[in-house]
């Protein structure tokens, strides 16, 4: 079956399409994608993953055409005057 794996890092994005076994799990497909080597900041123990925007366990089986997404932690940098009031 054909599946894809997407990751958007802080500086680079990658989308890999590949052939997988019919009973492949999310974790197996990510391992085969090569993205763990390309982006060493990915830690499957920490990063959430999903299929088409829905957070999904690494052990979940995939369907033909699924897009696996590796999510990174989003951090918010506060401005010096970030008091959440927009009246100025």
C-alpha atoms as a PDB file:
ATOM      1  CA  UNK A   1       0.000   0.000   0.000  1.00  0.00           C
ATOM      2  CA  UNK A   2       1.085   3.592  -0.551  1.00  0.00           C
ATOM      3  CA  UNK A   3       1.442   5.894   2.458  1.00  0.00           C
ATOM      4  CA  UNK A   4       3.314   9.103   3.208  1.00  0.00           C
ATOM      5  CA  UNK A   5       5.086  10.567   6.213  1.00  0.00           C
ATOM      6  CA  UNK A   6       5.304  14.316   6.845  1.00  0.00           C
ATOM      7  CA  UNK A   7       7.365  16.338   9.300  1.00  0.00           C
ATOM      8  CA  UNK A   8       7.696  20.103   9.579  1.00  0.00           C
ATOM      9  CA  UNK A   9      10.731  21.029  11.632  1.00  0.00           C
ATOM     10  CA  UNK A  10      11.591  24.546  12.730  1.00  0.00           C
ATOM     11  CA  UNK A  11      13.680  25.175   9.605  1.00  0.00           C
ATOM     12  CA  UNK A  12      12.868  22.397   7.121  1.00  0.00           C
ATOM     13  CA  UNK A  13       9.904  20.322   6.036  1.00  0.00           C
ATOM     14  CA  UNK A  14       9.868  16.878   4.532  1.00  0.00           C
ATOM     15  CA  UNK A  15       7.250  14.654   2.964  1.00  0.00           C
ATOM     16  CA  UNK A  16       8.164  11.086   2.028  1.00  0.00           C
ATOM     17  CA  UNK A  17       5.948   8.745   0.015  1.00  0.00           C
ATOM     18  CA  UNK A  18       6.618   5.028   0.301  1.00  0.00           C
ATOM     19  CA  UNK A  19       5.263   1.537  -0.174  1.00  0.00           C
ATOM     20  CA  UNK A  20       4.419  -0.298   3.039  1.00  0.00           C
ATOM     21  CA  UNK A  21       3.172  -3.741   3.990  1.00  0.00           C
ATOM     22  CA  UNK A  22      -0.614  -4.000   4.354  1.00  0.00           C
ATOM     23  CA  UNK A  23      -0.352  -4.500   8.114  1.00  0.00           C
ATOM     24  CA  UNK A  24       2.247  -1.751   8.717  1.00  0.00           C
ATOM     25  CA  UNK A  25       1.991   0.409  11.825  1.00  0.00           C
ATOM     26  CA  UNK A  26       2.704   4.110  12.128  1.00  0.00           C
ATOM     27  CA  UNK A  27       5.978   3.405  13.933  1.00  0.00           C
ATOM     28  CA  UNK A  28       7.163   0.965  11.237  1.00  0.00           C
ATOM     29  CA  UNK A  29       6.420   3.426   8.458  1.00  0.00           C
ATOM     30  CA  UNK A  30       8.214   6.261  10.269  1.00  0.00           C
ATOM     31  CA  UNK A  31      11.250   3.996  10.751  1.00  0.00           C
ATOM     32  CA  UNK A  32      11.258   3.144   7.033  1.00  0.00           C
ATOM     33  CA  UNK A  33      10.823   6.768   5.930  1.00  0.00           C
ATOM     34  CA  UNK A  34      14.362   7.814   6.888  1.00  0.00           C
ATOM     35  CA  UNK A  35      13.063  10.910   8.670  1.00  0.00           C
ATOM     36  CA  UNK A  36      14.493   9.856  12.039  1.00  0.00           C
ATOM     37  CA  UNK A  37      17.985   9.954  10.528  1.00  0.00           C
ATOM     38  CA  UNK A  38      17.349  13.182   8.604  1.00  0.00           C
ATOM     39  CA  UNK A  39      15.869  14.982  11.637  1.00  0.00           C
ATOM     40  CA  UNK A  40      17.631  13.758  14.804  1.00  0.00           C
ATOM     41  CA  UNK A  41      15.469  16.058  16.944  1.00  0.00           C
ATOM     42  CA  UNK A  42      12.527  13.692  16.397  1.00  0.00           C
ATOM     43  CA  UNK A  43      11.988  11.536  19.483  1.00  0.00           C
ATOM     44  CA  UNK A  44       9.079   9.136  19.098  1.00  0.00           C
ATOM     45  CA  UNK A  45       8.908   8.891  22.873  1.00  0.00           C
ATOM     46  CA  UNK A  46       8.152  12.630  23.025  1.00  0.00           C
ATOM     47  CA  UNK A  47       6.739  13.742  19.650  1.00  0.00           C
ATOM     48  CA  UNK A  48       3.089  13.040  19.050  1.00  0.00           C
ATOM     49  CA  UNK A  49       2.098  11.464  15.745  1.00  0.00           C
ATOM     50  CA  UNK A  50      -1.134  11.301  13.837  1.00  0.00           C
ATOM     51  CA  UNK A  51      -2.937  10.495  10.635  1.00  0.00           C
ATOM     52  CA  UNK A  52      -4.555  13.384   8.761  1.00  0.00           C
ATOM     53  CA  UNK A  53      -4.469  15.673  11.803  1.00  0.00           C
ATOM     54  CA  UNK A  54      -5.801  13.190  14.345  1.00  0.00           C
ATOM     55  CA  UNK A  55      -3.365  12.145  17.093  1.00  0.00           C
ATOM     56  CA  UNK A  56      -2.903   8.390  16.834  1.00  0.00           C
ATOM     57  CA  UNK A  57      -0.787   5.809  18.739  1.00  0.00           C
ATOM     58  CA  UNK A  58       2.420   4.534  17.135  1.00  0.00           C
ATOM     59  CA  UNK A  59       0.963   1.016  17.169  1.00  0.00           C
ATOM     60  CA  UNK A  60      -2.038   1.921  14.971  1.00  0.00           C
ATOM     61  CA  UNK A  61      -2.342   0.156  11.621  1.00  0.00           C
ATOM     62  CA  UNK A  62      -2.465   2.214   8.452  1.00  0.00           C
ATOM     63  CA  UNK A  63      -4.739   2.218   5.434  1.00  0.00           C
ATOM     64  CA  UNK A  64      -3.730   2.708   1.807  1.00  0.00           C
ATOM     65  CA  UNK A  65      -3.263   6.427   1.113  1.00  0.00           C
ATOM     66  CA  UNK A  66      -2.816   7.498   4.758  1.00  0.00           C
ATOM     67  CA  UNK A  67      -0.579  10.472   5.567  1.00  0.00           C
ATOM     68  CA  UNK A  68       1.347  10.015   8.807  1.00  0.00           C
ATOM     69  CA  UNK A  69       2.311  13.270  10.503  1.00  0.00           C
ATOM     70  CA  UNK A  70       5.034  13.731  13.099  1.00  0.00           C
ATOM     71  CA  UNK A  71       4.182  16.699  15.284  1.00  0.00           C
ATOM     72  CA  UNK A  72       6.757  18.882  16.979  1.00  0.00           C
ATOM     73  CA  UNK A  73       6.291  20.826  20.153  1.00  0.00           C
ATOM     74  CA  UNK A  74       5.191  24.388  19.552  1.00  0.00           C
ATOM     75  CA  UNK A  75       6.705  26.940  21.893  1.00  0.00           C
ATOM     76  CA  UNK A  76       5.529  30.470  22.445  1.00  0.00           C
ATOM     77  CA  UNK A  77       8.071  33.233  22.924  1.00  0.00           C
ATOM     78  CA  UNK A  78       6.651  36.076  24.991  1.00  0.00           C
ATOM     79  CA  UNK A  79       7.379  39.685  24.078  1.00  0.00           C
ATOM     80  CA  UNK A  80       8.598  42.017  26.807  1.00  0.00           C
ATOM     81  CA  UNK A  81       5.161  43.657  26.852  1.00  0.00           C
ATOM     82  CA  UNK A  82       3.086  40.528  26.410  1.00  0.00           C
ATOM     83  CA  UNK A  83       0.287  41.036  28.894  1.00  0.00           C
ATOM     84  CA  UNK A  84      -2.364  39.674  26.530  1.00  0.00           C
ATOM     85  CA  UNK A  85      -4.256  42.942  26.351  1.00  0.00           C
ATOM     86  CA  UNK A  86      -4.538  44.350  22.881  1.00  0.00           C
ATOM     87  CA  UNK A  87      -5.660  47.829  23.879  1.00  0.00           C
ATOM     88  CA  UNK A  88      -2.343  49.560  23.056  1.00  0.00           C
END
